[in-house]
């Protein structure tokens, strides 16, 4: 009798539907076990470890062997061991007493290598309004865009006392008024280097301080 009962129980267990270990406890979606708990219950860490080990084994096989820095040389003499390991490239015997400054590797491009775009409303000959600087509020004529991306503008000087100046386009409002610059010739030397400040030379030892203080003025005119 007890054997028959055991068989009957086994048969019922086979027909019984499998219920998941993790299920929602209420309508809000709160699960019985958390995600980390199910991770350990299902032993997924074993699978992950096996995958990582297989990846490491493949990488070791694929990595080429680095050439050795040491060379074995034969040495004569009975008590010298017969062989000696020597470096291929000898280390420097002397080191500098002061650290020399190194130029750091920069991933970003310098400002000079950037692409300087210009607004569609700004074209050579268009009249602009300045928004910053000592000539703020004045109307100027846009001549050309320099290599640094700055705009070259002029009053001209005999009309509103605004000379040749460089200005960023964010401090400029473009207008619809435009002048014809077909007959205007701009000198080739008017570029970013033209607007650099000229530093006075430092006096050498034994010379007076006020000998080399000379003011250099550069003036140019735009031919009509």
Protein backbone atom coordinates (compact mmCIF):
# COMPACT_ATOMS: atom_id res chain seq x y z
CA UNK A 1 0.00 0.00 0.00
CA UNK A 2 2.63 2.61 0.88
CA UNK A 3 4.50 1.93 -2.41
CA UNK A 4 1.30 2.55 -4.41
CA UNK A 5 0.72 5.82 -2.55
CA UNK A 6 4.23 7.01 -3.36
CA UNK A 7 3.73 6.25 -7.05
CA UNK A 8 0.45 8.15 -7.04
CA UNK A 9 2.14 11.16 -5.47
CA UNK A 10 4.88 11.10 -8.09
CA UNK A 11 2.32 11.02 -10.85
CA UNK A 12 0.53 14.05 -9.42
CA UNK A 13 3.81 15.94 -9.16
CA UNK A 14 4.49 15.38 -12.85
CA UNK A 15 1.11 16.75 -13.91
CA UNK A 16 1.40 19.83 -11.66
CA UNK A 17 2.23 23.07 -13.55
CA UNK A 18 5.54 24.78 -12.71
CA UNK A 19 5.19 28.08 -10.85
CA UNK A 20 7.99 30.67 -11.07
CA UNK A 21 10.06 31.42 -8.00
CA UNK A 22 9.79 35.15 -8.50
CA UNK A 23 6.33 36.63 -8.91
CA UNK A 24 4.49 39.86 -8.19
CA UNK A 25 3.21 40.15 -4.63
CA UNK A 26 0.56 42.76 -5.40
CA UNK A 27 -0.91 44.78 -8.25
CA UNK A 28 1.70 47.52 -7.92
CA UNK A 29 4.35 45.18 -9.41
CA UNK A 30 6.41 44.57 -6.27
CA UNK A 31 8.35 41.36 -6.90
CA UNK A 32 9.05 38.65 -4.34
CA UNK A 33 12.81 38.67 -4.93
CA UNK A 34 14.95 41.60 -6.02
CA UNK A 35 17.06 41.62 -9.18
CA UNK A 36 20.29 41.00 -7.29
CA UNK A 37 18.69 38.17 -5.30
CA UNK A 38 17.56 36.40 -8.49
CA UNK A 39 21.02 36.94 -9.97
CA UNK A 40 22.50 34.81 -7.19
CA UNK A 41 19.63 32.29 -7.11
CA UNK A 42 20.01 31.54 -10.82
CA UNK A 43 23.82 31.40 -10.45
CA UNK A 44 24.34 33.81 -13.32
CA UNK A 45 27.66 34.88 -11.81
CA UNK A 46 29.07 31.49 -12.85
CA UNK A 47 28.16 32.09 -16.48
CA UNK A 48 29.67 35.57 -16.36
CA UNK A 49 32.88 34.27 -14.82
CA UNK A 50 33.15 31.53 -17.46
CA UNK A 51 32.70 34.10 -20.25
CA UNK A 52 35.31 36.42 -18.75
CA UNK A 53 37.78 33.54 -18.42
CA UNK A 54 37.26 32.53 -22.05
CA UNK A 55 37.78 36.13 -23.18
CA UNK A 56 40.98 36.45 -21.19
CA UNK A 57 42.26 33.16 -22.62
CA UNK A 58 41.57 34.36 -26.19
CA UNK A 59 43.30 37.70 -25.55
CA UNK A 60 46.36 35.94 -24.20
CA UNK A 61 46.58 33.81 -27.33
CA UNK A 62 46.11 36.77 -29.68
CA UNK A 63 48.59 39.10 -27.94
CA UNK A 64 51.99 38.96 -29.65
CA UNK A 65 55.01 38.49 -27.45
CA UNK A 66 57.00 41.64 -26.78
CA UNK A 67 60.65 41.53 -27.80
CA UNK A 68 62.88 41.04 -24.80
CA UNK A 69 65.01 43.93 -23.63
CA UNK A 70 67.78 41.63 -22.47
CA UNK A 71 70.38 39.79 -24.52
CA UNK A 72 72.39 36.80 -23.28
CA UNK A 73 76.11 37.12 -23.95
CA UNK A 74 78.84 34.58 -23.38
CA UNK A 75 81.53 35.48 -20.90
CA UNK A 76 84.95 33.85 -20.76
CA UNK A 77 86.61 32.62 -17.59
CA UNK A 78 86.04 29.65 -15.36
CA UNK A 79 84.49 31.53 -12.42
CA UNK A 80 82.32 34.01 -14.38
CA UNK A 81 79.34 31.71 -15.00
CA UNK A 82 79.77 31.44 -18.77
CA UNK A 83 76.77 33.72 -19.57
CA UNK A 84 75.59 37.14 -18.61
CA UNK A 85 72.38 39.04 -19.32
CA UNK A 86 72.88 42.53 -20.75
CA UNK A 87 70.32 45.18 -21.78
CA UNK A 88 70.03 45.94 -25.48
CA UNK A 89 69.89 49.68 -24.83
CA UNK A 90 72.00 50.97 -22.00
CA UNK A 91 70.52 53.35 -19.47
CA UNK A 92 71.91 56.90 -19.35
CA UNK A 93 74.85 57.37 -17.02
CA UNK A 94 74.04 60.97 -16.16
CA UNK A 95 70.70 62.66 -15.45
CA UNK A 96 69.93 66.38 -15.74
CA UNK A 97 69.98 68.29 -12.47
CA UNK A 98 66.92 70.35 -13.48
CA UNK A 99 63.65 69.10 -14.92
CA UNK A 100 63.11 70.36 -18.44
CA UNK A 101 59.55 71.43 -19.25
CA UNK A 102 57.73 69.00 -21.50
CA UNK A 103 55.14 69.96 -24.04
CA UNK A 104 51.91 68.20 -23.11
CA UNK A 105 50.00 66.28 -25.76
CA UNK A 106 46.77 68.10 -26.56
CA UNK A 107 43.87 66.27 -28.11
CA UNK A 108 41.92 69.44 -28.80
CA UNK A 109 42.75 71.57 -31.82
CA UNK A 110 44.14 75.04 -31.19
CA UNK A 111 42.04 78.10 -31.92
CA UNK A 112 43.96 78.78 -35.12
CA UNK A 113 42.92 75.38 -36.52
CA UNK A 114 39.19 75.86 -35.82
CA UNK A 115 36.72 76.44 -38.65
CA UNK A 116 35.56 80.04 -38.31
CA UNK A 117 32.09 80.38 -39.79
CA UNK A 118 30.43 83.70 -40.44
CA UNK A 119 26.76 84.65 -40.34
CA UNK A 120 24.91 84.84 -43.62
CA UNK A 121 23.84 88.44 -42.92
CA UNK A 122 27.48 89.59 -42.74
CA UNK A 123 29.01 90.09 -46.17
CA UNK A 124 31.82 92.42 -47.34
CA UNK A 125 30.38 95.92 -47.60
CA UNK A 126 27.48 95.45 -45.19
CA UNK A 127 26.91 98.16 -42.59
CA UNK A 128 27.03 96.85 -38.99
CA UNK A 129 26.30 98.25 -35.54
CA UNK A 130 28.92 97.72 -32.83
CA UNK A 131 27.68 96.47 -29.45
CA UNK A 132 30.91 96.61 -27.41
CA UNK A 133 34.13 98.56 -27.12
CA UNK A 134 34.88 102.27 -27.02
CA UNK A 135 33.01 102.71 -30.34
CA UNK A 136 29.84 101.03 -29.05
CA UNK A 137 26.71 102.15 -30.89
CA UNK A 138 28.53 103.34 -34.02
CA UNK A 139 27.79 102.10 -37.52
CA UNK A 140 30.78 100.63 -39.34
CA UNK A 141 31.51 98.91 -42.66
CA UNK A 142 32.49 95.25 -42.68
CA UNK A 143 35.52 94.74 -44.96
CA UNK A 144 36.55 91.07 -44.63
CA UNK A 145 37.02 88.18 -42.22
CA UNK A 146 40.55 87.55 -40.99
CA UNK A 147 42.22 84.15 -40.51
CA UNK A 148 41.51 84.22 -36.76
CA UNK A 149 37.75 84.50 -37.43
CA UNK A 150 37.54 88.15 -36.32
CA UNK A 151 35.88 90.77 -38.50
CA UNK A 152 37.83 93.68 -39.98
CA UNK A 153 35.68 96.82 -39.80
CA UNK A 154 36.17 100.54 -40.36
CA UNK A 155 34.10 103.70 -39.84
CA UNK A 156 35.73 105.02 -41.97
CA UNK A 157 37.77 107.22 -39.66
CA UNK A 158 37.00 110.58 -41.31
CA UNK A 159 33.24 110.02 -40.85
CA UNK A 160 32.79 108.72 -37.29
CA UNK A 161 36.40 108.47 -35.94
CA UNK A 162 36.35 104.63 -35.97
CA UNK A 163 39.65 103.30 -37.40
CA UNK A 164 40.46 99.85 -38.75
CA UNK A 165 39.53 97.46 -35.96
CA UNK A 166 39.08 93.77 -35.29
CA UNK A 167 35.91 92.62 -33.54
CA UNK A 168 34.12 89.37 -32.84
CA UNK A 169 30.92 88.81 -34.79
CA UNK A 170 28.92 88.20 -31.59
CA UNK A 171 29.36 91.90 -30.76
CA UNK A 172 27.99 93.05 -34.12
CA UNK A 173 24.49 93.50 -35.52
CA UNK A 174 24.25 93.18 -39.30
CA UNK A 175 21.92 95.47 -41.25
CA UNK A 176 20.43 95.21 -44.71
CA UNK A 177 22.36 98.26 -45.92
CA UNK A 178 25.31 97.31 -48.07
CA UNK A 179 28.02 99.29 -49.85
CA UNK A 180 29.84 98.40 -53.05
CA UNK A 181 33.51 97.62 -52.27
CA UNK A 182 34.54 96.85 -55.85
CA UNK A 183 36.97 99.77 -56.10
CA UNK A 184 38.33 99.46 -52.55
CA UNK A 185 41.79 97.87 -52.36
CA UNK A 186 42.89 96.43 -49.03
CA UNK A 187 46.66 96.20 -48.44
CA UNK A 188 47.97 92.64 -48.09
CA UNK A 189 49.82 93.38 -44.87
CA UNK A 190 46.56 94.06 -42.97
CA UNK A 191 46.11 90.77 -41.15
CA UNK A 192 46.15 89.48 -37.58
CA UNK A 193 49.88 90.10 -37.28
CA UNK A 194 49.37 93.76 -38.14
CA UNK A 195 47.33 94.32 -34.95
CA UNK A 196 49.86 92.71 -32.59
CA UNK A 197 51.42 94.97 -30.00
CA UNK A 198 55.10 95.72 -30.46
CA UNK A 199 57.01 95.16 -27.24
CA UNK A 200 59.91 97.46 -26.40
CA UNK A 201 63.31 95.79 -26.26
CA UNK A 202 64.73 95.24 -22.82
CA UNK A 203 67.85 97.33 -22.08
CA UNK A 204 71.08 95.41 -21.90
CA UNK A 205 73.40 95.47 -18.91
CA UNK A 206 75.24 98.79 -18.68
CA UNK A 207 72.73 100.77 -20.78
CA UNK A 208 70.40 103.37 -19.41
CA UNK A 209 66.77 102.49 -18.80
CA UNK A 210 65.31 105.27 -20.96
CA UNK A 211 67.45 104.79 -24.05
CA UNK A 212 65.34 102.09 -25.75
CA UNK A 213 61.90 103.47 -24.86
CA UNK A 214 60.72 104.42 -28.34
CA UNK A 215 57.11 104.57 -29.45
CA UNK A 216 56.39 103.00 -32.83
CA UNK A 217 53.19 104.08 -34.59
CA UNK A 218 51.81 102.40 -37.69
CA UNK A 219 49.09 104.04 -39.76
CA UNK A 220 47.46 102.78 -42.92
CA UNK A 221 44.82 104.21 -45.21
CA UNK A 222 42.27 102.36 -47.28
CA UNK A 223 42.31 103.49 -50.88
CA UNK A 224 38.95 104.17 -52.44
